[in-house]
Amino acid sequence: MSKRILLLPLVLFILSCDKTEDPGVEIPKTIDQTLIRTVWNTVSEKYEYKASDGTTVYQSSKVYEDFRNKSIQYNFRPNEATPDDHRVTRLDKFTNKLTSGAWNISREDKKDYVNITWDSGKLDKYEVTAFTEKTMSWSIVSTDNSDIQYKENGETKTAASRQGSIELHCPCRD
């Protein structure tokens, strides 16, 4: 009897507590579902070009003020003939240069990676460091089979490696 008396106030307390309201925060779908059939405009880019000994030889950063109209645009879509074959295009809206390739998502050590194999054979791997329905951040993991070139004072130079980050925005979800 005494145990019931002690449990009764506890049960009444639990029942009388206010229910927590849903904060209304949008929880994004998986990164796969966030990317497919979407266009992403580059908002900003930051790069560090490294020499073979790991020292930074050049840094660059760019913020695209009018990123909807003048930036680098990525378009992720399935191949309609073979839906498991995902295609990507990269449009430089300054030069109108269009680059095509295939993309997939890999998960390693609880991290998501966007892997792009460009039709030229160049491989880019980006860690997805943050994403919502409208924004996404990438950190460059590797750029294999590529000439890592940059321009310094109008002169083209080659680096041994490159590190950097890219901020993206999906205009179709505004």
N, C-alpha and C. Protein backbone atom coordinates (compact mmCIF):
# COMPACT_ATOMS: atom_id res chain seq x y z
N MET A 1 0.82 -1.19 0.00
CA MET A 1 0.00 0.00 0.00
C MET A 1 0.86 1.26 0.00
N SER A 2 1.93 1.26 0.79
CA SER A 2 2.78 2.45 0.86
C SER A 2 3.50 2.71 -0.46
N LYS A 3 3.80 1.64 -1.22
CA LYS A 3 4.44 1.82 -2.53
C LYS A 3 3.49 2.49 -3.50
N ARG A 4 2.22 2.13 -3.43
CA ARG A 4 1.23 2.75 -4.31
C ARG A 4 1.07 4.23 -3.99
N ILE A 5 1.11 4.56 -2.74
CA ILE A 5 0.96 5.95 -2.33
C ILE A 5 2.16 6.76 -2.83
N LEU A 6 3.35 6.18 -2.80
CA LEU A 6 4.55 6.88 -3.27
C LEU A 6 4.55 7.03 -4.80
N LEU A 7 4.05 6.05 -5.51
CA LEU A 7 4.03 6.09 -6.97
C LEU A 7 2.95 7.02 -7.51
N LEU A 8 1.86 7.18 -6.77
CA LEU A 8 0.76 8.02 -7.24
C LEU A 8 1.20 9.46 -7.50
N PRO A 9 1.93 10.13 -6.61
CA PRO A 9 2.36 11.51 -6.92
C PRO A 9 3.29 11.57 -8.15
N LEU A 10 4.12 10.55 -8.32
CA LEU A 10 5.02 10.52 -9.47
C LEU A 10 4.23 10.41 -10.77
N VAL A 11 3.24 9.55 -10.80
CA VAL A 11 2.41 9.39 -11.99
C VAL A 11 1.63 10.68 -12.27
N LEU A 12 1.08 11.29 -11.24
CA LEU A 12 0.34 12.55 -11.42
C LEU A 12 1.27 13.65 -11.94
N PHE A 13 2.49 13.70 -11.44
CA PHE A 13 3.45 14.70 -11.91
C PHE A 13 3.75 14.51 -13.39
N ILE A 14 4.00 13.29 -13.80
CA ILE A 14 4.31 13.00 -15.21
C ILE A 14 3.13 13.38 -16.10
N LEU A 15 1.93 13.05 -15.69
CA LEU A 15 0.75 13.37 -16.49
C LEU A 15 0.46 14.87 -16.54
N SER A 16 0.86 15.59 -15.52
CA SER A 16 0.56 17.02 -15.51
C SER A 16 1.60 17.87 -16.23
N CYS A 17 2.73 17.29 -16.57
CA CYS A 17 3.78 18.06 -17.26
C CYS A 17 3.27 18.55 -18.61
N ASP A 18 3.68 19.76 -18.96
CA ASP A 18 3.33 20.30 -20.27
C ASP A 18 4.00 19.48 -21.35
N LYS A 19 3.28 19.25 -22.38
CA LYS A 19 3.85 18.54 -23.53
C LYS A 19 4.78 19.49 -24.28
N THR A 20 5.90 18.98 -24.72
CA THR A 20 6.85 19.79 -25.47
C THR A 20 6.29 20.06 -26.85
N GLU A 21 6.30 21.33 -27.23
CA GLU A 21 5.82 21.72 -28.55
C GLU A 21 6.86 21.40 -29.61
N ASP A 22 6.41 21.05 -30.79
CA ASP A 22 7.31 20.85 -31.93
C ASP A 22 7.91 22.20 -32.30
N PRO A 23 9.23 22.31 -32.30
CA PRO A 23 9.84 23.62 -32.59
C PRO A 23 9.68 24.05 -34.04
N GLY A 24 9.19 23.18 -34.90
CA GLY A 24 8.98 23.56 -36.29
C GLY A 24 10.24 23.58 -37.13
N VAL A 25 11.31 23.02 -36.61
CA VAL A 25 12.57 22.99 -37.35
C VAL A 25 12.46 21.93 -38.43
N GLU A 26 12.83 22.32 -39.66
CA GLU A 26 12.81 21.36 -40.76
C GLU A 26 14.02 20.45 -40.65
N ILE A 27 13.78 19.18 -40.54
CA ILE A 27 14.88 18.22 -40.52
C ILE A 27 15.06 17.75 -41.95
N PRO A 28 16.26 17.96 -42.51
CA PRO A 28 16.45 17.60 -43.91
C PRO A 28 16.37 16.10 -44.13
N LYS A 29 16.01 15.75 -45.34
CA LYS A 29 16.00 14.36 -45.74
C LYS A 29 17.45 13.92 -45.84
N THR A 30 17.67 12.71 -46.28
CA THR A 30 19.05 12.27 -46.46
C THR A 30 19.70 13.12 -47.54
N ILE A 31 21.01 13.13 -47.54
CA ILE A 31 21.74 13.93 -48.52
C ILE A 31 21.40 13.49 -49.94
N ASP A 32 21.16 12.20 -50.15
CA ASP A 32 20.78 11.70 -51.47
C ASP A 32 19.51 12.40 -51.95
N GLN A 33 18.50 12.45 -51.08
CA GLN A 33 17.22 13.05 -51.45
C GLN A 33 17.33 14.57 -51.56
N THR A 34 18.27 15.16 -50.83
CA THR A 34 18.46 16.61 -50.91
C THR A 34 19.08 17.00 -52.23
N LEU A 35 19.97 16.17 -52.77
CA LEU A 35 20.67 16.51 -54.00
C LEU A 35 19.89 16.22 -55.28
N ILE A 36 19.22 15.09 -55.33
CA ILE A 36 18.65 14.62 -56.60
C ILE A 36 17.65 15.62 -57.16
N ARG A 37 17.74 15.85 -58.46
CA ARG A 37 16.85 16.76 -59.19
C ARG A 37 16.89 18.19 -58.67
N THR A 38 18.07 18.65 -58.26
CA THR A 38 18.18 20.01 -57.77
C THR A 38 19.35 20.74 -58.42
N VAL A 39 19.27 22.05 -58.37
CA VAL A 39 20.33 22.93 -58.87
C VAL A 39 20.89 23.67 -57.65
N TRP A 40 22.21 23.74 -57.56
CA TRP A 40 22.87 24.41 -56.44
C TRP A 40 23.82 25.48 -56.98
N ASN A 41 23.64 26.70 -56.51
CA ASN A 41 24.52 27.81 -56.90
C ASN A 41 25.60 27.99 -55.83
N THR A 42 26.81 28.24 -56.27
CA THR A 42 27.91 28.48 -55.35
C THR A 42 27.77 29.88 -54.75
N VAL A 43 27.77 29.95 -53.42
CA VAL A 43 27.68 31.21 -52.71
C VAL A 43 29.08 31.74 -52.42
N SER A 44 29.98 30.83 -52.02
CA SER A 44 31.36 31.24 -51.74
C SER A 44 32.29 30.04 -51.90
N GLU A 45 33.56 30.35 -52.15
CA GLU A 45 34.61 29.34 -52.27
C GLU A 45 35.86 29.85 -51.57
N LYS A 46 36.56 28.96 -50.88
CA LYS A 46 37.85 29.28 -50.27
C LYS A 46 38.80 28.13 -50.59
N TYR A 47 39.99 28.46 -51.08
CA TYR A 47 40.96 27.44 -51.45
C TYR A 47 42.34 27.77 -50.90
N GLU A 48 43.07 26.72 -50.56
CA GLU A 48 44.49 26.81 -50.22
C GLU A 48 45.21 25.83 -51.14
N TYR A 49 46.17 26.34 -51.89
CA TYR A 49 46.97 25.51 -52.78
C TYR A 49 48.28 25.20 -52.06
N LYS A 50 48.67 23.92 -52.08
CA LYS A 50 49.81 23.45 -51.29
C LYS A 50 50.94 22.96 -52.19
N ALA A 51 52.16 23.15 -51.72
CA ALA A 51 53.34 22.59 -52.37
C ALA A 51 53.48 21.14 -51.91
N SER A 52 54.40 20.39 -52.51
CA SER A 52 54.56 18.98 -52.16
C SER A 52 54.98 18.78 -50.71
N ASP A 53 55.61 19.79 -50.08
CA ASP A 53 55.99 19.67 -48.67
C ASP A 53 54.85 20.07 -47.72
N GLY A 54 53.69 20.43 -48.27
CA GLY A 54 52.52 20.76 -47.46
C GLY A 54 52.37 22.23 -47.11
N THR A 55 53.33 23.04 -47.51
CA THR A 55 53.22 24.47 -47.22
C THR A 55 52.22 25.12 -48.18
N THR A 56 51.52 26.11 -47.69
CA THR A 56 50.56 26.84 -48.51
C THR A 56 51.31 27.80 -49.42
N VAL A 57 51.09 27.67 -50.73
CA VAL A 57 51.76 28.54 -51.70
C VAL A 57 50.83 29.63 -52.23
N TYR A 58 49.51 29.41 -52.09
CA TYR A 58 48.57 30.41 -52.60
C TYR A 58 47.22 30.19 -51.94
N GLN A 59 46.52 31.27 -51.63
CA GLN A 59 45.17 31.21 -51.08
C GLN A 59 44.25 32.06 -51.93
N SER A 60 43.03 31.59 -52.09
CA SER A 60 42.04 32.39 -52.80
C SER A 60 40.68 32.21 -52.14
N SER A 61 39.88 33.24 -52.24
CA SER A 61 38.50 33.14 -51.74
C SER A 61 37.64 34.04 -52.60
N LYS A 62 36.41 33.62 -52.75
CA LYS A 62 35.48 34.39 -53.57
C LYS A 62 34.09 34.26 -52.98
N VAL A 63 33.41 35.39 -52.90
CA VAL A 63 32.01 35.42 -52.49
C VAL A 63 31.22 35.91 -53.69
N TYR A 64 30.22 35.14 -54.08
CA TYR A 64 29.38 35.50 -55.22
C TYR A 64 28.20 36.30 -54.70
N GLU A 65 28.25 37.61 -54.88
CA GLU A 65 27.19 38.49 -54.38
C GLU A 65 25.85 38.20 -55.06
N ASP A 66 25.88 37.97 -56.36
CA ASP A 66 24.67 37.69 -57.14
C ASP A 66 24.70 36.22 -57.55
N PHE A 67 24.74 35.32 -56.56
CA PHE A 67 24.97 33.90 -56.84
C PHE A 67 23.87 33.25 -57.66
N ARG A 68 22.69 33.82 -57.70
CA ARG A 68 21.63 33.24 -58.52
C ARG A 68 21.91 33.41 -60.01
N ASN A 69 22.58 34.50 -60.36
CA ASN A 69 22.81 34.81 -61.77
C ASN A 69 24.26 34.67 -62.20
N LYS A 70 25.20 34.91 -61.31
CA LYS A 70 26.62 34.86 -61.65
C LYS A 70 27.36 34.05 -60.60
N SER A 71 27.55 32.77 -60.86
CA SER A 71 28.30 31.91 -59.96
C SER A 71 28.60 30.61 -60.70
N ILE A 72 29.01 29.61 -59.95
CA ILE A 72 29.19 28.27 -60.48
C ILE A 72 27.96 27.48 -60.07
N GLN A 73 27.32 26.80 -61.02
CA GLN A 73 26.06 26.11 -60.75
C GLN A 73 26.23 24.60 -60.96
N TYR A 74 25.79 23.82 -59.98
CA TYR A 74 25.80 22.36 -60.07
C TYR A 74 24.36 21.88 -60.24
N ASN A 75 24.12 21.00 -61.20
CA ASN A 75 22.80 20.44 -61.45
C ASN A 75 22.89 18.93 -61.29
N PHE A 76 22.24 18.40 -60.25
CA PHE A 76 22.27 16.97 -59.95
C PHE A 76 20.97 16.33 -60.43
N ARG A 77 21.08 15.28 -61.23
CA ARG A 77 19.86 14.64 -61.75
C ARG A 77 20.14 13.17 -62.05
N PRO A 78 19.08 12.39 -62.10
CA PRO A 78 19.26 11.00 -62.50
C PRO A 78 19.29 10.90 -64.02
N ASN A 79 19.93 9.89 -64.52
CA ASN A 79 19.88 9.59 -65.94
C ASN A 79 18.54 8.92 -66.17
N GLU A 80 17.69 9.51 -66.98
CA GLU A 80 16.33 8.99 -67.16
C GLU A 80 16.33 7.56 -67.71
N ALA A 81 17.32 7.22 -68.54
CA ALA A 81 17.38 5.86 -69.11
C ALA A 81 17.78 4.85 -68.04
N THR A 82 18.71 5.22 -67.19
CA THR A 82 19.16 4.35 -66.10
C THR A 82 19.17 5.17 -64.81
N PRO A 83 18.07 5.16 -64.06
CA PRO A 83 17.92 6.03 -62.89
C PRO A 83 19.00 5.89 -61.82
N ASP A 84 19.67 4.74 -61.74
CA ASP A 84 20.73 4.59 -60.75
C ASP A 84 22.01 5.30 -61.16
N ASP A 85 22.10 5.71 -62.43
CA ASP A 85 23.26 6.43 -62.94
C ASP A 85 22.99 7.92 -62.79
N HIS A 86 23.52 8.52 -61.74
CA HIS A 86 23.29 9.93 -61.48
C HIS A 86 24.25 10.80 -62.27
N ARG A 87 23.72 11.84 -62.89
CA ARG A 87 24.52 12.76 -63.71
C ARG A 87 24.59 14.12 -63.02
N VAL A 88 25.67 14.84 -63.30
CA VAL A 88 25.85 16.18 -62.76
C VAL A 88 26.46 17.06 -63.85
N THR A 89 26.04 18.30 -63.88
CA THR A 89 26.69 19.28 -64.75
C THR A 89 27.16 20.43 -63.87
N ARG A 90 28.26 21.03 -64.29
CA ARG A 90 28.82 22.20 -63.60
C ARG A 90 28.89 23.32 -64.63
N LEU A 91 28.10 24.36 -64.42
CA LEU A 91 28.04 25.49 -65.34
C LEU A 91 28.71 26.70 -64.71
N ASP A 92 29.76 27.18 -65.37
CA ASP A 92 30.40 28.43 -64.95
C ASP A 92 29.61 29.55 -65.62
N LYS A 93 28.83 30.29 -64.85
CA LYS A 93 27.95 31.32 -65.42
C LYS A 93 28.70 32.56 -65.89
N PHE A 94 30.01 32.59 -65.67
CA PHE A 94 30.83 33.71 -66.17
C PHE A 94 31.32 33.42 -67.58
N THR A 95 31.73 32.16 -67.82
CA THR A 95 32.28 31.79 -69.13
C THR A 95 31.33 30.91 -69.94
N ASN A 96 30.24 30.46 -69.31
CA ASN A 96 29.28 29.51 -69.90
C ASN A 96 29.92 28.16 -70.22
N LYS A 97 31.04 27.84 -69.58
CA LYS A 97 31.67 26.54 -69.75
C LYS A 97 30.86 25.50 -68.99
N LEU A 98 30.49 24.43 -69.68
CA LEU A 98 29.68 23.36 -69.10
C LEU A 98 30.53 22.10 -69.01
N THR A 99 30.60 21.52 -67.81
CA THR A 99 31.33 20.28 -67.57
C THR A 99 30.33 19.25 -67.06
N SER A 100 30.43 18.02 -67.56
CA SER A 100 29.48 16.97 -67.17
C SER A 100 30.22 15.81 -66.51
N GLY A 101 29.45 15.05 -65.75
CA GLY A 101 30.02 13.88 -65.10
C GLY A 101 28.96 13.06 -64.40
N ALA A 102 29.41 12.14 -63.58
CA ALA A 102 28.53 11.28 -62.80
C ALA A 102 28.82 11.52 -61.32
N TRP A 103 27.80 11.35 -60.48
CA TRP A 103 27.99 11.55 -59.05
C TRP A 103 27.37 10.42 -58.26
N ASN A 104 27.88 10.24 -57.05
CA ASN A 104 27.28 9.31 -56.11
C ASN A 104 27.60 9.79 -54.69
N ILE A 105 26.91 9.21 -53.75
CA ILE A 105 27.12 9.52 -52.34
C ILE A 105 27.77 8.31 -51.69
N SER A 106 28.79 8.56 -50.89
CA SER A 106 29.37 7.48 -50.10
C SER A 106 29.33 7.89 -48.64
N ARG A 107 29.29 6.90 -47.77
CA ARG A 107 29.28 7.16 -46.33
C ARG A 107 30.45 6.41 -45.71
N GLU A 108 31.31 7.17 -45.05
CA GLU A 108 32.48 6.58 -44.40
C GLU A 108 32.60 7.21 -43.02
N ASP A 109 32.77 6.38 -42.01
CA ASP A 109 32.95 6.88 -40.64
C ASP A 109 31.87 7.89 -40.25
N LYS A 110 30.63 7.58 -40.59
CA LYS A 110 29.47 8.41 -40.25
C LYS A 110 29.50 9.79 -40.90
N LYS A 111 30.21 9.92 -42.02
CA LYS A 111 30.26 11.17 -42.77
C LYS A 111 29.76 10.92 -44.18
N ASP A 112 29.10 11.93 -44.76
CA ASP A 112 28.61 11.83 -46.14
C ASP A 112 29.60 12.51 -47.07
N TYR A 113 29.82 11.88 -48.23
CA TYR A 113 30.72 12.42 -49.24
C TYR A 113 30.02 12.45 -50.59
N VAL A 114 30.20 13.54 -51.32
CA VAL A 114 29.74 13.63 -52.70
C VAL A 114 30.96 13.34 -53.57
N ASN A 115 30.86 12.30 -54.38
CA ASN A 115 31.95 11.90 -55.28
C ASN A 115 31.52 12.22 -56.70
N ILE A 116 32.33 13.01 -57.40
CA ILE A 116 32.01 13.38 -58.77
C ILE A 116 33.14 12.89 -59.67
N THR A 117 32.77 12.10 -60.68
CA THR A 117 33.71 11.67 -61.71
C THR A 117 33.34 12.43 -62.97
N TRP A 118 34.16 13.42 -63.31
CA TRP A 118 33.89 14.23 -64.49
C TRP A 118 34.19 13.41 -65.74
N ASP A 119 33.52 13.72 -66.83
CA ASP A 119 33.71 12.98 -68.08
C ASP A 119 35.16 13.02 -68.55
N SER A 120 35.93 14.00 -68.09
CA SER A 120 37.36 14.11 -68.44
C SER A 120 38.21 13.09 -67.69
N GLY A 121 37.62 12.41 -66.69
CA GLY A 121 38.36 11.46 -65.88
C GLY A 121 38.77 12.03 -64.53
N LYS A 122 38.62 13.32 -64.35
CA LYS A 122 38.96 13.96 -63.08
C LYS A 122 37.98 13.51 -62.00
N LEU A 123 38.51 13.23 -60.81
CA LEU A 123 37.68 12.79 -59.69
C LEU A 123 37.72 13.84 -58.59
N ASP A 124 36.57 14.27 -58.12
CA ASP A 124 36.48 15.21 -57.00
C ASP A 124 35.69 14.54 -55.89
N LYS A 125 36.20 14.66 -54.66
CA LYS A 125 35.51 14.11 -53.50
C LYS A 125 35.34 15.23 -52.48
N TYR A 126 34.08 15.45 -52.07
CA TYR A 126 33.75 16.51 -51.12
C TYR A 126 33.07 15.90 -49.90
N GLU A 127 33.50 16.30 -48.72
CA GLU A 127 32.78 15.92 -47.51
C GLU A 127 31.65 16.93 -47.32
N VAL A 128 30.45 16.43 -47.08
CA VAL A 128 29.31 17.30 -46.80
C VAL A 128 29.39 17.64 -45.31
N THR A 129 29.79 18.87 -45.01
CA THR A 129 29.98 19.26 -43.62
C THR A 129 28.70 19.80 -42.98
N ALA A 130 27.76 20.27 -43.80
CA ALA A 130 26.47 20.74 -43.29
C ALA A 130 25.49 20.81 -44.45
N PHE A 131 24.21 20.54 -44.17
CA PHE A 131 23.19 20.75 -45.19
C PHE A 131 21.82 20.89 -44.58
N THR A 132 21.02 21.70 -45.25
CA THR A 132 19.60 21.85 -44.93
C THR A 132 18.88 21.71 -46.26
N GLU A 133 17.61 22.01 -46.27
CA GLU A 133 16.87 21.95 -47.53
C GLU A 133 17.39 22.98 -48.54
N LYS A 134 17.93 24.10 -48.05
CA LYS A 134 18.31 25.21 -48.94
C LYS A 134 19.81 25.46 -49.05
N THR A 135 20.59 25.01 -48.08
CA THR A 135 22.02 25.30 -48.09
C THR A 135 22.83 24.04 -47.86
N MET A 136 24.06 24.08 -48.34
CA MET A 136 24.95 22.94 -48.16
C MET A 136 26.39 23.45 -48.14
N SER A 137 27.22 22.81 -47.33
CA SER A 137 28.64 23.15 -47.26
C SER A 137 29.46 21.91 -47.58
N TRP A 138 30.46 22.10 -48.43
CA TRP A 138 31.38 21.03 -48.80
C TRP A 138 32.78 21.39 -48.38
N SER A 139 33.54 20.38 -47.99
CA SER A 139 34.96 20.52 -47.75
C SER A 139 35.66 19.59 -48.74
N ILE A 140 36.65 20.11 -49.46
CA ILE A 140 37.35 19.29 -50.46
C ILE A 140 38.17 18.23 -49.74
N VAL A 141 37.95 16.97 -50.11
CA VAL A 141 38.72 15.87 -49.56
C VAL A 141 39.85 15.51 -50.50
N SER A 142 39.53 15.36 -51.79
CA SER A 142 40.58 15.05 -52.76
C SER A 142 40.14 15.48 -54.15
N THR A 143 41.13 15.75 -54.96
CA THR A 143 40.92 16.06 -56.37
C THR A 143 41.93 15.24 -57.14
N ASP A 144 41.58 14.00 -57.45
CA ASP A 144 42.49 13.08 -58.13
C ASP A 144 42.44 13.26 -59.64
N ASN A 145 43.51 12.85 -60.29
CA ASN A 145 43.62 12.90 -61.75
C ASN A 145 43.38 14.30 -62.29
N SER A 146 43.85 15.29 -61.58
CA SER A 146 43.62 16.65 -62.05
C SER A 146 44.90 17.46 -61.95
N ASP A 147 45.02 18.41 -62.84
CA ASP A 147 46.08 19.40 -62.73
C ASP A 147 45.54 20.46 -61.80
N ILE A 148 46.14 20.59 -60.66
CA ILE A 148 45.67 21.57 -59.69
C ILE A 148 46.37 22.87 -60.01
N GLN A 149 45.73 23.64 -60.86
CA GLN A 149 46.33 24.89 -61.32
C GLN A 149 45.59 26.08 -60.73
N TYR A 150 46.34 27.15 -60.58
CA TYR A 150 45.77 28.40 -60.10
C TYR A 150 46.51 29.54 -60.79
N LYS A 151 45.89 30.70 -60.77
CA LYS A 151 46.51 31.88 -61.39
C LYS A 151 46.93 32.83 -60.29
N GLU A 152 48.20 33.22 -60.35
CA GLU A 152 48.74 34.19 -59.41
C GLU A 152 49.39 35.31 -60.23
N ASN A 153 48.86 36.51 -60.09
CA ASN A 153 49.35 37.66 -60.86
C ASN A 153 49.33 37.38 -62.36
N GLY A 154 48.28 36.70 -62.83
CA GLY A 154 48.13 36.42 -64.25
C GLY A 154 48.93 35.23 -64.75
N GLU A 155 49.76 34.65 -63.90
CA GLU A 155 50.59 33.52 -64.30
C GLU A 155 49.98 32.22 -63.79
N THR A 156 49.86 31.21 -64.68
CA THR A 156 49.32 29.91 -64.29
C THR A 156 50.40 29.10 -63.60
N LYS A 157 50.07 28.59 -62.41
CA LYS A 157 51.00 27.77 -61.63
C LYS A 157 50.31 26.47 -61.26
N THR A 158 51.09 25.47 -60.90
CA THR A 158 50.56 24.16 -60.53
C THR A 158 50.91 23.85 -59.08
N ALA A 159 49.94 23.35 -58.33
CA ALA A 159 50.15 22.97 -56.93
C ALA A 159 50.12 21.46 -56.80
N ALA A 160 50.67 20.96 -55.70
CA ALA A 160 50.66 19.53 -55.43
C ALA A 160 49.31 19.07 -54.90
N SER A 161 48.64 19.94 -54.15
CA SER A 161 47.33 19.59 -53.60
C SER A 161 46.54 20.87 -53.33
N ARG A 162 45.27 20.66 -53.04
CA ARG A 162 44.38 21.79 -52.78
C ARG A 162 43.44 21.42 -51.66
N GLN A 163 43.22 22.35 -50.75
CA GLN A 163 42.21 22.20 -49.70
C GLN A 163 41.24 23.36 -49.85
N GLY A 164 40.02 23.14 -49.40
CA GLY A 164 39.09 24.25 -49.52
C GLY A 164 37.69 23.90 -49.08
N SER A 165 36.84 24.90 -49.18
CA SER A 165 35.43 24.71 -48.83
C SER A 165 34.57 25.48 -49.82
N ILE A 166 33.37 24.96 -50.02
CA ILE A 166 32.40 25.54 -50.94
C ILE A 166 31.06 25.64 -50.22
N GLU A 167 30.44 26.80 -50.29
CA GLU A 167 29.10 27.01 -49.74
C GLU A 167 28.13 27.08 -50.91
N LEU A 168 27.03 26.32 -50.82
CA LEU A 168 26.06 26.24 -51.92
C LEU A 168 24.66 26.60 -51.43
N HIS A 169 23.82 27.05 -52.38
CA HIS A 169 22.44 27.42 -52.09
C HIS A 169 21.54 26.85 -53.18
N CYS A 170 20.40 26.30 -52.78
CA CYS A 170 19.44 25.74 -53.72
C CYS A 170 18.30 26.75 -53.92
N PRO A 171 18.27 27.45 -55.07
CA PRO A 171 17.25 28.49 -55.27
C PRO A 171 15.84 27.95 -55.43
N CYS A 172 15.70 26.70 -55.81
CA CYS A 172 14.37 26.14 -56.05
C CYS A 172 13.60 25.93 -54.75
N ARG A 173 14.27 26.08 -53.62
CA ARG A 173 13.60 25.84 -52.34
C ARG A 173 13.38 27.11 -51.54
N ASP A 174 13.54 28.25 -52.19
CA ASP A 174 13.30 29.53 -51.50
C ASP A 174 11.83 29.79 -51.35
